[in-house]
PDB file of all heavy atoms in Angstrom:
ATOM      1  N   SER A   1     -15.322 -26.007  -8.157  1.00  0.00           N
ATOM      2  CA  SER A   1     -16.266 -25.212  -7.349  1.00  0.00           C
ATOM      3  C   SER A   1     -15.778 -23.770  -7.202  1.00  0.00           C
ATOM      4  O   SER A   1     -14.604 -23.459  -7.416  1.00  0.00           O
ATOM      5  CB  SER A   1     -16.403 -25.844  -5.969  1.00  0.00           C
ATOM      6  OG  SER A   1     -15.185 -25.688  -5.240  1.00  0.00           O
ATOM      7  N   ALA A   2     -16.698 -22.903  -6.816  1.00  0.00           N
ATOM      8  CA  ALA A   2     -16.350 -21.501  -6.587  1.00  0.00           C
ATOM      9  C   ALA A   2     -15.295 -21.407  -5.477  1.00  0.00           C
ATOM     10  O   ALA A   2     -14.354 -20.599  -5.574  1.00  0.00           O
ATOM     11  CB  ALA A   2     -17.597 -20.705  -6.218  1.00  0.00           C
ATOM     12  N   THR A   3     -15.417 -22.237  -4.468  1.00  0.00           N
ATOM     13  CA  THR A   3     -14.441 -22.227  -3.361  1.00  0.00           C
ATOM     14  C   THR A   3     -13.062 -22.598  -3.881  1.00  0.00           C
ATOM     15  O   THR A   3     -12.070 -21.957  -3.544  1.00  0.00           O
ATOM     16  CB  THR A   3     -14.883 -23.212  -2.259  1.00  0.00           C
ATOM     17  OG1 THR A   3     -16.182 -22.835  -1.819  1.00  0.00           O
ATOM     18  CG2 THR A   3     -13.911 -23.200  -1.114  1.00  0.00           C
ATOM     19  N   ARG A   4     -13.017 -23.637  -4.716  1.00  0.00           N
ATOM     20  CA  ARG A   4     -11.720 -24.054  -5.265  1.00  0.00           C
ATOM     21  C   ARG A   4     -11.142 -23.002  -6.196  1.00  0.00           C
ATOM     22  O   ARG A   4      -9.934 -22.755  -6.196  1.00  0.00           O
ATOM     23  CB  ARG A   4     -11.880 -25.402  -6.007  1.00  0.00           C
ATOM     24  CG  ARG A   4     -10.605 -25.936  -6.598  1.00  0.00           C
ATOM     25  CD  ARG A   4      -9.568 -26.290  -5.526  1.00  0.00           C
ATOM     26  NE  ARG A   4      -8.330 -26.741  -6.144  1.00  0.00           N
ATOM     27  CZ  ARG A   4      -7.120 -26.434  -5.720  1.00  0.00           C
ATOM     28  NH1 ARG A   4      -6.970 -25.694  -4.638  1.00  0.00           N
ATOM     29  NH2 ARG A   4      -6.057 -26.873  -6.344  1.00  0.00           N
ATOM     30  N   ARG A   5     -11.979 -22.344  -6.976  1.00  0.00           N
ATOM     31  CA  ARG A   5     -11.484 -21.281  -7.855  1.00  0.00           C
ATOM     32  C   ARG A   5     -10.859 -20.159  -7.024  1.00  0.00           C
ATOM     33  O   ARG A   5      -9.827 -19.612  -7.391  1.00  0.00           O
ATOM     34  CB  ARG A   5     -12.622 -20.705  -8.703  1.00  0.00           C
ATOM     35  CG  ARG A   5     -12.978 -21.577  -9.872  1.00  0.00           C
ATOM     36  CD  ARG A   5     -14.031 -20.928 -10.746  1.00  0.00           C
ATOM     37  NE  ARG A   5     -14.333 -21.795 -11.873  1.00  0.00           N
ATOM     38  CZ  ARG A   5     -15.411 -21.653 -12.624  1.00  0.00           C
ATOM     39  NH1 ARG A   5     -16.284 -20.702 -12.369  1.00  0.00           N
ATOM     40  NH2 ARG A   5     -15.615 -22.469 -13.629  1.00  0.00           N
ATOM     41  N   LYS A   6     -11.501 -19.829  -5.920  1.00  0.00           N
ATOM     42  CA  LYS A   6     -10.977 -18.788  -5.041  1.00  0.00           C
ATOM     43  C   LYS A   6      -9.613 -19.184  -4.477  1.00  0.00           C
ATOM     44  O   LYS A   6      -8.674 -18.397  -4.419  1.00  0.00           O
ATOM     45  CB  LYS A   6     -11.982 -18.524  -3.909  1.00  0.00           C
ATOM     46  CG  LYS A   6     -11.995 -17.130  -3.401  1.00  0.00           C
ATOM     47  CD  LYS A   6     -13.181 -16.939  -2.485  1.00  0.00           C
ATOM     48  CE  LYS A   6     -13.194 -15.502  -2.025  1.00  0.00           C
ATOM     49  NZ  LYS A   6     -14.329 -15.191  -1.210  1.00  0.00           N
ATOM     50  N   GLU A   7      -9.494 -20.450  -4.055  1.00  0.00           N
ATOM     51  CA  GLU A   7      -8.213 -20.976  -3.547  1.00  0.00           C
ATOM     52  C   GLU A   7      -7.149 -20.939  -4.641  1.00  0.00           C
ATOM     53  O   GLU A   7      -6.015 -20.530  -4.401  1.00  0.00           O
ATOM     54  CB  GLU A   7      -8.369 -22.425  -3.075  1.00  0.00           C
ATOM     55  CG  GLU A   7      -9.183 -22.608  -1.832  1.00  0.00           C
ATOM     56  CD  GLU A   7      -9.548 -24.081  -1.582  1.00  0.00           C
ATOM     57  OE1 GLU A   7      -9.140 -24.955  -2.371  1.00  0.00           O
ATOM     58  OE2 GLU A   7     -10.230 -24.331  -0.565  1.00  0.00           O
ATOM     59  N   LEU A   8      -7.538 -21.383  -5.833  1.00  0.00           N
ATOM     60  CA  LEU A   8      -6.593 -21.382  -6.949  1.00  0.00           C
ATOM     61  C   LEU A   8      -6.123 -19.968  -7.277  1.00  0.00           C
ATOM     62  O   LEU A   8      -4.942 -19.754  -7.563  1.00  0.00           O
ATOM     63  CB  LEU A   8      -7.227 -22.026  -8.194  1.00  0.00           C
ATOM     64  CG  LEU A   8      -7.426 -23.527  -8.138  1.00  0.00           C
ATOM     65  CD1 LEU A   8      -8.356 -23.979  -9.264  1.00  0.00           C
ATOM     66  CD2 LEU A   8      -6.092 -24.261  -8.240  1.00  0.00           C
ATOM     67  N   LEU A   9      -7.027 -19.021  -7.251  1.00  0.00           N
ATOM     68  CA  LEU A   9      -6.670 -17.639  -7.529  1.00  0.00           C
ATOM     69  C   LEU A   9      -5.670 -17.146  -6.489  1.00  0.00           C
ATOM     70  O   LEU A   9      -4.671 -16.498  -6.846  1.00  0.00           O
ATOM     71  CB  LEU A   9      -7.909 -16.737  -7.554  1.00  0.00           C
ATOM     72  CG  LEU A   9      -7.660 -15.256  -7.810  1.00  0.00           C
ATOM     73  CD1 LEU A   9      -6.950 -15.017  -9.143  1.00  0.00           C
ATOM     74  CD2 LEU A   9      -8.968 -14.481  -7.740  1.00  0.00           C
ATOM     75  N   SER A  10      -5.895 -17.441  -5.229  1.00  0.00           N
ATOM     76  CA  SER A  10      -4.949 -17.020  -4.172  1.00  0.00           C
ATOM     77  C   SER A  10      -3.575 -17.639  -4.376  1.00  0.00           C
ATOM     78  O   SER A  10      -2.551 -16.952  -4.261  1.00  0.00           O
ATOM     79  CB  SER A  10      -5.481 -17.396  -2.787  1.00  0.00           C
ATOM     80  OG  SER A  10      -6.604 -16.636  -2.484  1.00  0.00           O
ATOM     81  N   GLU A  11      -3.548 -18.930  -4.677  1.00  0.00           N
ATOM     82  CA  GLU A  11      -2.267 -19.610  -4.913  1.00  0.00           C
ATOM     83  C   GLU A  11      -1.563 -19.003  -6.145  1.00  0.00           C
ATOM     84  O   GLU A  11      -0.357 -18.762  -6.112  1.00  0.00           O
ATOM     85  CB  GLU A  11      -2.504 -21.114  -5.181  1.00  0.00           C
ATOM     86  CG  GLU A  11      -2.956 -21.883  -3.976  1.00  0.00           C
ATOM     87  CD  GLU A  11      -3.423 -23.303  -4.324  1.00  0.00           C
ATOM     88  OE1 GLU A  11      -3.007 -23.833  -5.394  1.00  0.00           O
ATOM     89  OE2 GLU A  11      -4.197 -23.875  -3.558  1.00  0.00           O
ATOM     90  N   PHE A  12      -2.346 -18.776  -7.181  1.00  0.00           N
ATOM     91  CA  PHE A  12      -1.796 -18.204  -8.402  1.00  0.00           C
ATOM     92  C   PHE A  12      -1.212 -16.820  -8.140  1.00  0.00           C
ATOM     93  O   PHE A  12      -0.115 -16.508  -8.581  1.00  0.00           O
ATOM     94  CB  PHE A  12      -2.876 -18.135  -9.488  1.00  0.00           C
ATOM     95  CG  PHE A  12      -2.382 -17.510 -10.759  1.00  0.00           C
ATOM     96  CD1 PHE A  12      -1.610 -18.230 -11.643  1.00  0.00           C
ATOM     97  CD2 PHE A  12      -2.699 -16.181 -11.051  1.00  0.00           C
ATOM     98  CE1 PHE A  12      -1.137 -17.634 -12.810  1.00  0.00           C
ATOM     99  CE2 PHE A  12      -2.226 -15.600 -12.208  1.00  0.00           C
ATOM    100  CZ  PHE A  12      -1.450 -16.326 -13.100  1.00  0.00           C
ATOM    101  N   GLU A  13      -1.957 -16.003  -7.398  1.00  0.00           N
ATOM    102  CA  GLU A  13      -1.478 -14.646  -7.112  1.00  0.00           C
ATOM    103  C   GLU A  13      -0.166 -14.664  -6.347  1.00  0.00           C
ATOM    104  O   GLU A  13       0.739 -13.890  -6.662  1.00  0.00           O
ATOM    105  CB  GLU A  13      -2.523 -13.865  -6.301  1.00  0.00           C
ATOM    106  CG  GLU A  13      -3.627 -13.307  -7.151  1.00  0.00           C
ATOM    107  CD  GLU A  13      -4.511 -12.374  -6.369  1.00  0.00           C
ATOM    108  OE1 GLU A  13      -5.313 -12.853  -5.552  1.00  0.00           O
ATOM    109  OE2 GLU A  13      -4.394 -11.148  -6.585  1.00  0.00           O
ATOM    110  N   ARG A  14      -0.068 -15.533  -5.360  1.00  0.00           N
ATOM    111  CA  ARG A  14       1.194 -15.630  -4.596  1.00  0.00           C
ATOM    112  C   ARG A  14       2.362 -15.966  -5.532  1.00  0.00           C
ATOM    113  O   ARG A  14       3.417 -15.368  -5.458  1.00  0.00           O
ATOM    114  CB  ARG A  14       1.083 -16.679  -3.493  1.00  0.00           C
ATOM    115  CG  ARG A  14       0.533 -16.148  -2.199  1.00  0.00           C
ATOM    116  CD  ARG A  14       0.709 -17.135  -1.048  1.00  0.00           C
ATOM    117  NE  ARG A  14       0.140 -18.454  -1.314  1.00  0.00           N
ATOM    118  CZ  ARG A  14      -1.148 -18.774  -1.158  1.00  0.00           C
ATOM    119  NH1 ARG A  14      -2.001 -17.852  -0.759  1.00  0.00           N
ATOM    120  NH2 ARG A  14      -1.575 -19.983  -1.409  1.00  0.00           N
ATOM    121  N   GLU A  15       2.132 -16.940  -6.389  1.00  0.00           N
ATOM    122  CA  GLU A  15       3.196 -17.386  -7.300  1.00  0.00           C
ATOM    123  C   GLU A  15       3.561 -16.302  -8.301  1.00  0.00           C
ATOM    124  O   GLU A  15       4.732 -15.976  -8.498  1.00  0.00           O
ATOM    125  CB  GLU A  15       2.772 -18.668  -8.026  1.00  0.00           C
ATOM    126  CG  GLU A  15       3.796 -19.218  -8.970  1.00  0.00           C
ATOM    127  CD  GLU A  15       5.068 -19.698  -8.311  1.00  0.00           C
ATOM    128  OE1 GLU A  15       5.011 -20.177  -7.149  1.00  0.00           O
ATOM    129  OE2 GLU A  15       6.143 -19.568  -8.932  1.00  0.00           O
ATOM    130  N   ILE A  16       2.557 -15.739  -8.943  1.00  0.00           N
ATOM    131  CA  ILE A  16       2.814 -14.787 -10.024  1.00  0.00           C
ATOM    132  C   ILE A  16       3.358 -13.462  -9.499  1.00  0.00           C
ATOM    133  O   ILE A  16       4.198 -12.817 -10.148  1.00  0.00           O
ATOM    134  CB  ILE A  16       1.557 -14.589 -10.922  1.00  0.00           C
ATOM    135  CG1 ILE A  16       1.929 -13.993 -12.276  1.00  0.00           C
ATOM    136  CG2 ILE A  16       0.514 -13.691 -10.245  1.00  0.00           C
ATOM    137  CD1 ILE A  16       2.556 -14.926 -13.227  1.00  0.00           C
ATOM    138  N   GLN A  17       2.916 -13.021  -8.339  1.00  0.00           N
ATOM    139  CA  GLN A  17       3.398 -11.737  -7.816  1.00  0.00           C
ATOM    140  C   GLN A  17       4.883 -11.787  -7.496  1.00  0.00           C
ATOM    141  O   GLN A  17       5.631 -10.850  -7.801  1.00  0.00           O
ATOM    142  CB  GLN A  17       2.565 -11.295  -6.611  1.00  0.00           C
ATOM    143  CG  GLN A  17       1.205 -10.806  -7.044  1.00  0.00           C
ATOM    144  CD  GLN A  17       0.254 -10.522  -5.889  1.00  0.00           C
ATOM    145  OE1 GLN A  17       0.464 -10.962  -4.764  1.00  0.00           O
ATOM    146  NE2 GLN A  17      -0.796  -9.773  -6.183  1.00  0.00           N
ATOM    147  N   GLY A  18       5.332 -12.889  -6.880  1.00  0.00           N
ATOM    148  CA  GLY A  18       6.766 -13.008  -6.603  1.00  0.00           C
ATOM    149  C   GLY A  18       7.573 -13.098  -7.889  1.00  0.00           C
ATOM    150  O   GLY A  18       8.627 -12.456  -8.030  1.00  0.00           O
ATOM    151  N   HIS A  19       7.054 -13.848  -8.841  1.00  0.00           N
ATOM    152  CA  HIS A  19       7.722 -14.013 -10.138  1.00  0.00           C
ATOM    153  C   HIS A  19       7.850 -12.658 -10.840  1.00  0.00           C
ATOM    154  O   HIS A  19       8.936 -12.289 -11.296  1.00  0.00           O
ATOM    155  CB  HIS A  19       6.912 -15.007 -10.981  1.00  0.00           C
ATOM    156  CG  HIS A  19       7.456 -15.216 -12.343  1.00  0.00           C
ATOM    157  ND1 HIS A  19       8.466 -16.132 -12.617  1.00  0.00           N
ATOM    158  CD2 HIS A  19       7.143 -14.666 -13.529  1.00  0.00           C
ATOM    159  CE1 HIS A  19       8.737 -16.115 -13.909  1.00  0.00           C
ATOM    160  NE2 HIS A  19       7.952 -15.243 -14.488  1.00  0.00           N
ATOM    161  N   MET A  20       6.765 -11.922 -10.912  1.00  0.00           N
ATOM    162  CA  MET A  20       6.788 -10.628 -11.587  1.00  0.00           C
ATOM    163  C   MET A  20       7.727  -9.642 -10.879  1.00  0.00           C
ATOM    164  O   MET A  20       8.493  -8.938 -11.517  1.00  0.00           O
ATOM    165  CB  MET A  20       5.376 -10.030 -11.702  1.00  0.00           C
ATOM    166  CG  MET A  20       4.484 -10.773 -12.670  1.00  0.00           C
ATOM    167  SD  MET A  20       2.883  -9.975 -13.040  1.00  0.00           S
ATOM    168  CE  MET A  20       2.112  -9.871 -11.436  1.00  0.00           C
ATOM    169  N   ALA A  21       7.691  -9.641  -9.556  1.00  0.00           N
ATOM    170  CA  ALA A  21       8.547  -8.741  -8.793  1.00  0.00           C
ATOM    171  C   ALA A  21      10.017  -9.047  -9.058  1.00  0.00           C
ATOM    172  O   ALA A  21      10.832  -8.141  -9.272  1.00  0.00           O
ATOM    173  CB  ALA A  21       8.226  -8.855  -7.289  1.00  0.00           C
ATOM    174  N   GLY A  22      10.366 -10.323  -9.063  1.00  0.00           N
ATOM    175  CA  GLY A  22      11.746 -10.703  -9.347  1.00  0.00           C
ATOM    176  C   GLY A  22      12.194 -10.292 -10.740  1.00  0.00           C
ATOM    177  O   GLY A  22      13.296  -9.756 -10.918  1.00  0.00           O
ATOM    178  N   GLU A  23      11.338 -10.525 -11.732  1.00  0.00           N
ATOM    179  CA  GLU A  23      11.687 -10.133 -13.098  1.00  0.00           C
ATOM    180  C   GLU A  23      11.838  -8.606 -13.199  1.00  0.00           C
ATOM    181  O   GLU A  23      12.765  -8.112 -13.847  1.00  0.00           O
ATOM    182  CB  GLU A  23      10.614 -10.589 -14.094  1.00  0.00           C
ATOM    183  CG  GLU A  23      10.672 -12.063 -14.401  1.00  0.00           C
ATOM    184  CD  GLU A  23       9.653 -12.496 -15.438  1.00  0.00           C
ATOM    185  OE1 GLU A  23       8.598 -11.840 -15.578  1.00  0.00           O
ATOM    186  OE2 GLU A  23       9.938 -13.481 -16.122  1.00  0.00           O
ATOM    187  N   GLU A  24      10.919  -7.884 -12.567  1.00  0.00           N
ATOM    188  CA  GLU A  24      10.937  -6.431 -12.668  1.00  0.00           C
ATOM    189  C   GLU A  24      12.135  -5.820 -11.950  1.00  0.00           C
ATOM    190  O   GLU A  24      12.641  -4.781 -12.362  1.00  0.00           O
ATOM    191  CB  GLU A  24       9.639  -5.851 -12.102  1.00  0.00           C
ATOM    192  CG  GLU A  24       8.439  -6.148 -12.991  1.00  0.00           C
ATOM    193  CD  GLU A  24       7.092  -5.870 -12.327  1.00  0.00           C
ATOM    194  OE1 GLU A  24       7.068  -5.268 -11.223  1.00  0.00           O
ATOM    195  OE2 GLU A  24       6.073  -6.280 -12.904  1.00  0.00           O
ATOM    196  N   ARG A  25      12.592  -6.434 -10.884  1.00  0.00           N
ATOM    197  CA  ARG A  25      13.709  -5.879 -10.112  1.00  0.00           C
ATOM    198  C   ARG A  25      15.081  -6.327 -10.636  1.00  0.00           C
ATOM    199  O   ARG A  25      16.066  -5.611 -10.440  1.00  0.00           O
ATOM    200  CB  ARG A  25      13.582  -6.266  -8.649  1.00  0.00           C
ATOM    201  CG  ARG A  25      12.415  -5.606  -7.980  1.00  0.00           C
ATOM    202  CD  ARG A  25      12.316  -6.034  -6.518  1.00  0.00           C
ATOM    203  NE  ARG A  25      11.087  -5.504  -5.942  1.00  0.00           N
ATOM    204  CZ  ARG A  25      10.352  -6.145  -5.051  1.00  0.00           C
ATOM    205  NH1 ARG A  25      10.711  -7.342  -4.613  1.00  0.00           N
ATOM    206  NH2 ARG A  25       9.257  -5.610  -4.567  1.00  0.00           N
ATOM    207  N   VAL A  26      15.158  -7.504 -11.247  1.00  0.00           N
ATOM    208  CA  VAL A  26      16.458  -8.067 -11.608  1.00  0.00           C
ATOM    209  C   VAL A  26      16.645  -8.252 -13.109  1.00  0.00           C
ATOM    210  O   VAL A  26      17.626  -7.797 -13.698  1.00  0.00           O
ATOM    211  CB  VAL A  26      16.689  -9.420 -10.868  1.00  0.00           C
ATOM    212  CG1 VAL A  26      17.989 -10.057 -11.289  1.00  0.00           C
ATOM    213  CG2 VAL A  26      16.635  -9.216  -9.365  1.00  0.00           C
ATOM    214  N   PHE A  27      15.697  -8.916 -13.748  1.00  0.00           N
ATOM    215  CA  PHE A  27      15.870  -9.329 -15.142  1.00  0.00           C
ATOM    216  C   PHE A  27      15.619  -8.196 -16.133  1.00  0.00           C
ATOM    217  O   PHE A  27      16.463  -7.890 -16.974  1.00  0.00           O
ATOM    218  CB  PHE A  27      14.917 -10.512 -15.413  1.00  0.00           C
ATOM    219  CG  PHE A  27      15.120 -11.208 -16.727  1.00  0.00           C
ATOM    220  CD1 PHE A  27      16.377 -11.640 -17.131  1.00  0.00           C
ATOM    221  CD2 PHE A  27      14.044 -11.469 -17.550  1.00  0.00           C
ATOM    222  CE1 PHE A  27      16.545 -12.297 -18.328  1.00  0.00           C
ATOM    223  CE2 PHE A  27      14.211 -12.142 -18.757  1.00  0.00           C
ATOM    224  CZ  PHE A  27      15.466 -12.550 -19.146  1.00  0.00           C
ATOM    225  N   TYR A  28      14.487  -7.544 -16.038  1.00  0.00           N
ATOM    226  CA  TYR A  28      14.135  -6.515 -17.017  1.00  0.00           C
ATOM    227  C   TYR A  28      15.077  -5.302 -16.983  1.00  0.00           C
ATOM    228  O   TYR A  28      15.453  -4.799 -18.052  1.00  0.00           O
ATOM    229  CB  TYR A  28      12.687  -6.041 -16.846  1.00  0.00           C
ATOM    230  CG  TYR A  28      11.654  -7.106 -17.117  1.00  0.00           C
ATOM    231  CD1 TYR A  28      10.367  -6.999 -16.636  1.00  0.00           C
ATOM    232  CD2 TYR A  28      11.936  -8.239 -17.885  1.00  0.00           C
ATOM    233  CE1 TYR A  28       9.396  -7.953 -16.871  1.00  0.00           C
ATOM    234  CE2 TYR A  28      10.983  -9.218 -18.135  1.00  0.00           C
ATOM    235  CZ  TYR A  28       9.716  -9.065 -17.615  1.00  0.00           C
ATOM    236  OH  TYR A  28       8.762 -10.018 -17.869  1.00  0.00           O
ATOM    237  N   PRO A  29      15.480  -4.792 -15.799  1.00  0.00           N
ATOM    238  CA  PRO A  29      16.384  -3.633 -15.821  1.00  0.00           C
ATOM    239  C   PRO A  29      17.689  -3.907 -16.586  1.00  0.00           C
ATOM    240  O   PRO A  29      18.185  -3.037 -17.302  1.00  0.00           O
ATOM    241  CB  PRO A  29      16.669  -3.383 -14.342  1.00  0.00           C
ATOM    242  CG  PRO A  29      15.447  -3.915 -13.640  1.00  0.00           C
ATOM    243  CD  PRO A  29      15.038  -5.136 -14.449  1.00  0.00           C
ATOM    244  N   LEU A  30      18.200  -5.109 -16.473  1.00  0.00           N
ATOM    245  CA  LEU A  30      19.423  -5.455 -17.185  1.00  0.00           C
ATOM    246  C   LEU A  30      19.195  -5.426 -18.694  1.00  0.00           C
ATOM    247  O   LEU A  30      19.984  -4.895 -19.454  1.00  0.00           O
ATOM    248  CB  LEU A  30      19.910  -6.843 -16.765  1.00  0.00           C
ATOM    249  CG  LEU A  30      21.159  -7.262 -17.503  1.00  0.00           C
ATOM    250  CD1 LEU A  30      22.392  -6.718 -16.797  1.00  0.00           C
ATOM    251  CD2 LEU A  30      21.228  -8.762 -17.596  1.00  0.00           C
ATOM    252  N   LEU A  31      18.058  -6.006 -19.118  1.00  0.00           N
ATOM    253  CA  LEU A  31      17.745  -6.063 -20.548  1.00  0.00           C
ATOM    254  C   LEU A  31      17.439  -4.697 -21.141  1.00  0.00           C
ATOM    255  O   LEU A  31      17.617  -4.466 -22.317  1.00  0.00           O
ATOM    256  CB  LEU A  31      16.603  -7.044 -20.803  1.00  0.00           C
ATOM    257  CG  LEU A  31      16.944  -8.504 -20.513  1.00  0.00           C
ATOM    258  CD1 LEU A  31      15.707  -9.358 -20.581  1.00  0.00           C
ATOM    259  CD2 LEU A  31      18.006  -9.017 -21.453  1.00  0.00           C
ATOM    260  N   GLN A  32      16.958  -3.783 -20.295  1.00  0.00           N
ATOM    261  CA  GLN A  32      16.629  -2.451 -20.779  1.00  0.00           C
ATOM    262  C   GLN A  32      17.875  -1.642 -21.102  1.00  0.00           C
ATOM    263  O   GLN A  32      17.805  -0.595 -21.706  1.00  0.00           O
ATOM    264  CB  GLN A  32      15.760  -1.723 -19.765  1.00  0.00           C
ATOM    265  CG  GLN A  32      14.355  -2.292 -19.725  1.00  0.00           C
ATOM    266  CD  GLN A  32      13.505  -1.696 -18.623  1.00  0.00           C
ATOM    267  OE1 GLN A  32      13.855  -0.712 -17.997  1.00  0.00           O
ATOM    268  NE2 GLN A  32      12.362  -2.316 -18.376  1.00  0.00           N
ATOM    269  N   LYS A  33      19.034  -2.172 -20.716  1.00  0.00           N
ATOM    270  CA  LYS A  33      20.299  -1.487 -21.014  1.00  0.00           C
ATOM    271  C   LYS A  33      20.819  -1.812 -22.406  1.00  0.00           C
ATOM    272  O   LYS A  33      21.751  -1.188 -22.865  1.00  0.00           O
ATOM    273  CB  LYS A  33      21.352  -1.873 -19.973  1.00  0.00           C
ATOM    274  CG  LYS A  33      21.032  -1.357 -18.580  1.00  0.00           C
ATOM    275  CD  LYS A  33      22.064  -1.826 -17.571  1.00  0.00           C
ATOM    276  CE  LYS A  33      21.657  -1.378 -16.192  1.00  0.00           C
ATOM    277  NZ  LYS A  33      22.508  -1.958 -15.167  1.00  0.00           N
ATOM    278  N   THR A  34      20.212  -2.815 -23.054  1.00  0.00           N
ATOM    279  CA  THR A  34      20.679  -3.195 -24.386  1.00  0.00           C
ATOM    280  C   THR A  34      19.655  -2.792 -25.430  1.00  0.00           C
ATOM    281  O   THR A  34      18.436  -2.931 -25.190  1.00  0.00           O
ATOM    282  CB  THR A  34      20.937  -4.715 -24.479  1.00  0.00           C
ATOM    283  OG1 THR A  34      19.693  -5.403 -24.340  1.00  0.00           O
ATOM    284  CG2 THR A  34      21.914  -5.165 -23.412  1.00  0.00           C
ATOM    285  N   GLY A  35      20.120  -2.324 -26.550  1.00  0.00           N
ATOM    286  CA  GLY A  35      19.242  -1.794 -27.599  1.00  0.00           C
ATOM    287  C   GLY A  35      18.149  -2.723 -28.068  1.00  0.00           C
ATOM    288  O   GLY A  35      16.976  -2.380 -28.060  1.00  0.00           O
ATOM    289  N   ASP A  36      18.522  -3.955 -28.494  1.00  0.00           N
ATOM    290  CA  ASP A  36      17.526  -4.808 -29.106  1.00  0.00           C
ATOM    291  C   ASP A  36      16.524  -5.379 -28.114  1.00  0.00           C
ATOM    292  O   ASP A  36      15.409  -5.708 -28.479  1.00  0.00           O
ATOM    293  CB  ASP A  36      18.199  -5.940 -29.908  1.00  0.00           C
ATOM    294  CG  ASP A  36      19.041  -6.866 -29.066  1.00  0.00           C
ATOM    295  OD1 ASP A  36      19.536  -6.431 -28.008  1.00  0.00           O
ATOM    296  OD2 ASP A  36      19.205  -8.028 -29.471  1.00  0.00           O
TER     297      ASP A  36
END
């Protein structure tokens, strides 16, 4: 249902935003220091 899709989107956003923030603050900066 449209209601469930809206709920799923909210749940997804919470999960993905934290994940992306963690990668951007911790994981990617370290990898950007190496050439390959």
